C-alpha cells in the first residue's frame, strides 16, 4: 500500500482520498477549508454517489503539510490559481522516489509545478466526468468517475508512472496512460471549455445546457473555438467527432454542476482564466479568432469582480 498526500482536498480531492483510503492506502488530506477539515476529523470522510456510500478515517486531515513526511505519491488537486502555493507546500513531502501528480482544469499548471518541484518526478493528470461537490463539510458527492488519465510531464520513468497509476487502479478508478500529454490534456480541455463557462453564465446543469438550444449554441461555439486552436497548434484529437465526444461525456453526468458554477454559487473565485480564458490566449498565439470564448470569459470576469475581492 502507498503513502499518499492529497493537497487540495476539496470536492474532487475528497473523492480521491475517500476511495484510496478505503482501498487500504495511507492517505493524508490537506485542505484550507477549516469546517471541512474539522468535520472529517470529527466524523470521518463520507463519500457518496457513483462509488456508493462509505465513510473512512483518513490517516490525517489538516490545513498544512508539516506533519506528513515523505510520501510515495503526492496529488496536487487545488484550483489552478493556487498551484504555486500548493507546490511550495509539497516540498517536505517529496524525495527522489516520490511521484507528484498535478491535476488541474485548464492549461499551464504542470509547468508551474515543475518549476518548483522539478520536472523529473512530475506526472500530468486529467480527470473528468465526476461532477463532484461538497454538499456539507465532511461529505463529498460525485455523479460519476468517467475519465482518469496520466502521462509523464518530462522524464518521469515509465515504471514510476505505472506505479502511481496503480494506486488509483487499486482504489477502483479506471486509468489510461498517455505518451502524448498534449492530446490527453486537450481532449479534456475541450469539454471544460464547452460546459464550464456556459453553466457558470446560465446557472444551468450540464444536462440543462445540452437540452436548451440557446445555451447549447454557446457551449458548442466555445468547444469549436477550442478545437480550432488545437488544430492550429497541431494537437492530435483522437475522439472521433469532437462535438459528439463532448455531448457523450456530458450525457453521462447531466445533473452535474461544473466547478466554475459551484464557485460562482458560493461567491468564490473561479478558474475562468485557466479554462475559458485560455482559449483566447492560445488563439492569439496561433492566429485563431475566438470571439465567443472571449466574450463568455469577460462576462464571468465582470461578474466575479463584484464579489471576489471580498472573499479572497
Protein backbone atom coordinates (compact mmCIF):
# COMPACT_ATOMS: atom_id res chain seq x y z
CA UNK A 1 0.00 0.00 0.00
CA UNK A 2 1.15 3.53 -0.72
CA UNK A 3 1.53 6.64 1.41
CA UNK A 4 -0.42 9.36 -0.38
CA UNK A 5 -0.85 13.08 0.25
CA UNK A 6 -3.71 14.90 -1.45
CA UNK A 7 -3.03 18.62 -1.35
CA UNK A 8 -6.27 20.36 -2.20
CA UNK A 9 -8.74 18.00 -0.56
CA UNK A 10 -11.90 19.76 -1.70
CA UNK A 11 -14.64 18.14 -3.76
CA UNK A 12 -12.52 16.15 -6.22
CA UNK A 13 -9.65 15.63 -3.80
CA UNK A 14 -12.02 14.27 -1.17
CA UNK A 15 -13.37 11.70 -3.63
CA UNK A 16 -9.82 10.59 -4.40
CA UNK A 17 -8.97 10.48 -0.70
CA UNK A 18 -12.06 8.52 0.30
CA UNK A 19 -11.63 5.83 -2.32
CA UNK A 20 -7.88 5.49 -1.81
CA UNK A 21 -8.21 5.21 1.98
CA UNK A 22 -10.99 2.67 1.57
CA UNK A 23 -8.62 0.60 -0.58
CA UNK A 24 -6.10 0.49 2.24
CA UNK A 25 -3.68 3.26 1.29
CA UNK A 26 -2.37 5.67 3.92
CA UNK A 27 -3.99 8.93 2.81
CA UNK A 28 -3.24 12.38 4.20
CA UNK A 29 -5.60 15.17 3.16
CA UNK A 30 -4.67 18.85 3.10
CA UNK A 31 -7.41 21.46 2.82
CA UNK A 32 -7.68 25.14 3.77
CA UNK A 33 -11.42 24.94 4.46
CA UNK A 34 -11.44 24.64 8.25
CA UNK A 35 -15.05 23.45 8.52
CA UNK A 36 -14.36 20.56 6.15
CA UNK A 37 -11.16 19.63 7.99
CA UNK A 38 -12.92 19.72 11.37
CA UNK A 39 -15.86 17.62 10.12
CA UNK A 40 -13.60 14.95 8.61
CA UNK A 41 -11.53 14.74 11.78
CA UNK A 42 -14.64 14.52 13.95
CA UNK A 43 -16.78 12.10 11.96
CA UNK A 44 -14.67 10.71 9.12
CA UNK A 45 -14.84 11.49 5.42
CA UNK A 46 -18.09 10.36 3.81
CA UNK A 47 -18.17 9.85 0.03
CA UNK A 48 -21.46 9.22 -1.78
CA UNK A 49 -22.52 8.83 -5.39
CA UNK A 50 -21.21 6.66 -8.20
CA UNK A 51 -18.82 4.76 -5.90
CA UNK A 52 -21.52 4.00 -3.31
CA UNK A 53 -21.87 5.42 0.19
CA UNK A 54 -18.96 4.94 2.54
CA UNK A 55 -17.21 6.71 5.39
CA UNK A 56 -13.49 6.39 6.08
CA UNK A 57 -10.97 7.70 8.58
CA UNK A 58 -8.05 9.30 6.78
CA UNK A 59 -4.55 8.92 8.16
CA UNK A 60 -4.74 12.67 8.71
CA UNK A 61 -6.68 15.73 7.57
CA UNK A 62 -5.13 19.12 8.16
CA UNK A 63 -4.61 22.62 6.80
CA UNK A 64 -0.84 22.11 6.50
CA UNK A 65 1.67 19.57 5.21
CA UNK A 66 4.02 19.96 8.20
CA UNK A 67 3.27 16.63 9.90
CA UNK A 68 3.02 14.29 6.91
CA UNK A 69 6.59 13.44 5.90
CA UNK A 70 7.88 11.85 2.70
CA UNK A 71 5.19 10.24 0.52
CA UNK A 72 5.14 7.74 -2.31
CA UNK A 73 2.55 9.79 -4.18
CA UNK A 74 1.64 13.47 -3.89
CA UNK A 75 -1.52 14.59 -5.68
CA UNK A 76 -1.90 18.35 -6.16
CA UNK A 77 -5.64 18.82 -6.65
CA UNK A 78 -6.01 22.53 -5.94
CA UNK A 79 -7.56 25.12 -8.24
CA UNK A 80 -5.19 26.33 -10.95
CA UNK A 81 -4.62 29.70 -9.30
CA UNK A 82 -3.42 28.01 -6.09
CA UNK A 83 -0.90 25.67 -7.73
CA UNK A 84 2.24 27.65 -6.92
CA UNK A 85 1.41 27.87 -3.22
CA UNK A 86 0.46 24.20 -3.11
CA UNK A 87 3.65 23.09 -4.83
CA UNK A 88 5.75 25.07 -2.35
CA UNK A 89 3.87 23.39 0.50
CA UNK A 90 4.68 19.99 -1.01
CA UNK A 91 8.46 20.38 -0.74
CA UNK A 92 8.67 18.46 2.60
CA UNK A 93 6.66 15.58 1.08
CA UNK A 94 8.93 14.65 -1.82
CA UNK A 95 12.25 12.94 -2.31
CA UNK A 96 13.86 11.09 -5.19
CA UNK A 97 11.28 8.28 -5.28
CA UNK A 98 8.12 10.41 -4.88
CA UNK A 99 5.77 10.84 -7.83
CA UNK A 100 3.89 14.13 -7.99
CA UNK A 101 0.65 14.28 -9.96
CA UNK A 102 -0.62 17.71 -10.96
CA UNK A 103 -4.39 17.52 -11.61
CA UNK A 104 -5.98 20.83 -12.55
CA UNK A 105 -8.55 22.09 -15.00
CA UNK A 106 -7.34 24.12 -17.94
CA UNK A 107 -3.83 24.77 -19.16
CA UNK A 108 -0.50 25.81 -17.65
CA UNK A 109 -0.46 24.29 -14.16
CA UNK A 110 2.03 21.43 -14.68
CA UNK A 111 4.65 23.84 -15.95
CA UNK A 112 4.36 25.87 -12.75
CA UNK A 113 4.58 22.77 -10.54
CA UNK A 114 7.63 21.55 -12.46
CA UNK A 115 9.43 24.86 -11.90
CA UNK A 116 9.08 24.37 -8.12
CA UNK A 117 9.32 20.61 -7.55
CA UNK A 118 11.24 19.55 -10.65
CA UNK A 119 10.06 18.02 -13.93
CA UNK A 120 11.70 14.64 -13.35
CA UNK A 121 9.14 13.48 -10.75
CA UNK A 122 6.01 15.02 -12.29
CA UNK A 123 3.01 13.40 -13.95
CA UNK A 124 0.24 15.36 -15.64
CA UNK A 125 -3.23 14.22 -14.59
CA UNK A 126 -6.56 14.71 -16.32
CA UNK A 127 -9.84 13.61 -14.75
CA UNK A 128 -13.41 14.16 -15.87
CA UNK A 129 -16.98 13.01 -15.61
CA UNK A 130 -17.04 13.16 -11.80
CA UNK A 131 -19.41 16.05 -11.16
CA UNK A 132 -18.01 16.28 -7.63
CA UNK A 133 -19.25 18.60 -4.90
CA UNK A 134 -19.15 19.05 -1.13
CA UNK A 135 -22.81 19.44 -0.10
CA UNK A 136 -21.74 19.95 3.50
CA UNK A 137 -18.47 19.77 5.43
CA UNK A 138 -17.24 16.20 5.76
CA UNK A 139 -19.29 14.93 2.80
CA UNK A 140 -18.15 14.61 -0.82
CA UNK A 141 -20.56 13.54 -3.55
CA UNK A 142 -19.77 12.57 -7.14
CA UNK A 143 -22.09 11.80 -10.03
CA UNK A 144 -19.61 9.67 -11.97
CA UNK A 145 -15.93 8.77 -12.42
CA UNK A 146 -15.53 8.59 -16.16
CA UNK A 147 -12.03 9.79 -17.02
CA UNK A 148 -8.70 9.34 -15.20
CA UNK A 149 -5.62 9.84 -17.38
CA UNK A 150 -1.93 10.35 -16.69
CA UNK A 151 1.24 10.96 -18.63
CA UNK A 152 4.82 11.87 -17.75
CA UNK A 153 5.47 15.60 -17.82
CA UNK A 154 9.11 15.20 -18.78
CA UNK A 155 11.50 12.45 -17.69
CA UNK A 156 9.43 10.56 -15.11
CA UNK A 157 10.36 6.89 -15.66
CA UNK A 158 7.66 4.63 -17.05
CA UNK A 159 7.82 2.28 -14.04
CA UNK A 160 7.20 5.22 -11.69
CA UNK A 161 4.26 6.47 -13.77
CA UNK A 162 2.75 2.97 -13.78
CA UNK A 163 3.28 2.56 -10.02
CA UNK A 164 1.49 5.84 -9.34
CA UNK A 165 -1.36 4.81 -11.62
CA UNK A 166 -1.68 1.52 -9.74
CA UNK A 167 -2.65 3.44 -6.59
CA UNK A 168 -5.68 4.73 -8.48
CA UNK A 169 -6.49 1.40 -10.14
CA UNK A 170 -6.38 -0.42 -6.81
CA UNK A 171 -8.85 2.17 -5.46
CA UNK A 172 -11.47 1.47 -8.12
CA UNK A 173 -10.60 4.05 -10.78
CA UNK A 174 -10.20 3.17 -14.44
CA UNK A 175 -6.92 4.70 -15.59
CA UNK A 176 -5.47 5.27 -19.04
CA UNK A 177 -1.83 6.26 -19.57
CA UNK A 178 -0.76 8.55 -22.39
CA UNK A 179 2.55 9.31 -24.05
CA UNK A 180 1.08 12.31 -25.90
CA UNK A 181 0.13 14.53 -22.98
CA UNK A 182 -0.92 17.41 -25.24
CA UNK A 183 -3.60 15.15 -26.74
CA UNK A 184 -4.59 13.93 -23.29
CA UNK A 185 -4.99 17.44 -21.88
CA UNK A 186 -6.77 18.97 -24.86
CA UNK A 187 -9.34 16.19 -25.21
CA UNK A 188 -10.48 17.04 -21.68
CA UNK A 189 -9.92 20.78 -22.10
CA UNK A 190 -12.47 20.98 -24.92
CA UNK A 191 -15.17 19.58 -22.64
CA UNK A 192 -14.19 22.00 -19.88
CA UNK A 193 -14.41 24.90 -22.30
CA UNK A 194 -17.81 23.79 -23.57
CA UNK A 195 -19.52 23.43 -20.22
CA UNK A 196 -17.61 25.41 -17.56
CA UNK A 197 -18.29 28.89 -18.85
CA UNK A 198 -21.76 28.14 -20.16
CA UNK A 199 -23.04 26.58 -16.95
CA UNK A 200 -21.42 29.33 -14.89
CA UNK A 201 -23.04 32.05 -17.00
CA UNK A 202 -26.51 30.45 -17.10
CA UNK A 203 -26.60 28.59 -13.73
CA UNK A 204 -27.80 25.51 -15.63
CA UNK A 205 -26.55 21.95 -15.13
CA UNK A 206 -24.67 20.19 -17.92
CA UNK A 207 -27.80 18.33 -18.98
CA UNK A 208 -29.86 21.52 -19.00
CA UNK A 209 -27.28 23.24 -21.19
CA UNK A 210 -27.37 20.33 -23.64
CA UNK A 211 -31.17 20.41 -23.76
CA UNK A 212 -31.55 24.17 -24.15
CA UNK A 213 -30.94 25.25 -27.78
CA UNK A 214 -29.70 28.71 -26.84
CA UNK A 215 -27.33 27.52 -24.11
CA UNK A 216 -26.06 24.65 -26.26
CA UNK A 217 -25.37 27.04 -29.15
CA UNK A 218 -22.97 28.93 -26.88
CA UNK A 219 -21.40 25.75 -25.47
CA UNK A 220 -20.87 24.29 -28.94
CA UNK A 221 -19.37 27.54 -30.23
CA UNK A 222 -16.95 27.60 -27.30
CA UNK A 223 -15.94 23.99 -28.00
CA UNK A 224 -15.47 24.68 -31.71
CA UNK A 225 -13.15 27.59 -30.97
CA UNK A 226 -11.06 25.37 -28.69
CA UNK A 227 -10.98 22.69 -31.40
CA UNK A 228 -9.84 25.26 -33.97
CA UNK A 229 -7.00 26.34 -31.68
CA UNK A 230 -5.97 22.71 -31.10
CA UNK A 231 -5.90 22.10 -34.83
CA UNK A 232 -3.81 25.21 -35.41
CA UNK A 233 -1.39 24.09 -32.70
CA UNK A 234 -1.03 20.65 -34.27
CA UNK A 235 -2.65 18.87 -31.32
CA UNK A 236 -3.91 15.38 -32.14
CA UNK A 237 -7.50 14.73 -31.05
CA UNK A 238 -8.40 11.04 -31.18
CA UNK A 239 -12.05 11.15 -30.13
CA UNK A 240 -13.92 10.90 -33.41
CA UNK A 241 -16.24 13.86 -33.85
CA UNK A 242 -15.11 16.18 -31.01
CA UNK A 243 -18.55 17.73 -30.55
CA UNK A 244 -20.19 14.32 -30.26
CA UNK A 245 -17.43 13.39 -27.81
CA UNK A 246 -18.34 16.42 -25.68
CA UNK A 247 -22.02 15.56 -25.77
CA UNK A 248 -21.35 11.89 -24.97
CA UNK A 249 -19.32 12.80 -21.89
CA UNK A 250 -21.84 15.42 -20.82
CA UNK A 251 -24.74 12.98 -21.15
CA UNK A 252 -23.14 10.73 -18.53
CA UNK A 253 -23.36 13.45 -15.84
CA UNK A 254 -26.43 15.52 -16.80
CA UNK A 255 -27.09 16.66 -13.24
CA UNK A 256 -23.55 17.85 -12.66
CA UNK A 257 -22.63 21.45 -11.93
CA UNK A 258 -19.03 22.10 -13.04
CA UNK A 259 -16.68 23.65 -10.51
CA UNK A 260 -16.87 27.11 -12.07
CA UNK A 261 -20.62 27.18 -11.49
CA UNK A 262 -20.24 25.85 -7.94
CA UNK A 263 -17.64 28.54 -7.26
CA UNK A 264 -19.99 31.22 -8.56
CA UNK A 265 -22.89 29.97 -6.44
CA UNK A 266 -20.62 30.15 -3.38
CA UNK A 267 -19.26 33.54 -4.50
CA UNK A 268 -15.71 32.22 -4.74
CA UNK A 269 -13.06 32.86 -7.34
CA UNK A 270 -13.40 30.51 -10.31
CA UNK A 271 -10.94 29.17 -12.87
CA UNK A 272 -12.09 31.27 -15.79
CA UNK A 273 -8.55 32.33 -16.71
CA UNK A 274 -7.24 28.75 -16.78
CA UNK A 275 -10.17 27.35 -18.78
CA UNK A 276 -12.33 29.61 -20.96
CA UNK A 277 -9.84 32.46 -20.91
CA UNK A 278 -7.04 30.19 -22.13
CA UNK A 279 -8.78 29.71 -25.48
CA UNK A 280 -8.21 33.38 -26.31
CA UNK A 281 -4.63 33.25 -25.01
CA UNK A 282 -3.80 30.23 -27.15
CA UNK A 283 -5.83 31.59 -30.04
CA UNK A 284 -3.69 34.72 -30.17
CA UNK A 285 -0.58 32.56 -30.11
CA UNK A 286 -1.71 30.55 -33.12
CA UNK A 287 -3.64 33.21 -35.02
CA UNK A 288 -7.15 31.86 -34.35
CA UNK A 289 -10.03 34.24 -33.62
CA UNK A 290 -12.01 33.27 -30.51
CA UNK A 291 -14.88 35.79 -30.09
CA UNK A 292 -17.32 33.52 -28.23
CA UNK A 293 -14.96 32.22 -25.56
CA UNK A 294 -13.51 35.70 -25.14
CA UNK A 295 -16.99 37.12 -24.57
CA UNK A 296 -18.03 34.38 -22.13
CA UNK A 297 -14.78 34.78 -20.17
CA UNK A 298 -15.19 38.55 -19.97
CA UNK A 299 -18.77 38.26 -18.74
CA UNK A 300 -17.72 35.89 -15.98
CA UNK A 301 -14.77 38.11 -15.00
CA UNK A 302 -17.06 41.15 -14.84
CA UNK A 303 -19.49 39.33 -12.59
CA UNK A 304 -16.72 37.96 -10.36
CA UNK A 305 -15.35 41.48 -9.87
CA UNK A 306 -18.39 42.23 -7.72
CA UNK A 307 -17.51 39.66 -5.07
CA UNK A 308 -14.04 38.14 -5.47
CA UNK A 309 -12.17 40.96 -3.71
CA UNK A 310 -14.21 40.50 -0.55
CA UNK A 311 -13.82 36.70 -0.43
CA UNK A 312 -10.15 36.10 -1.31
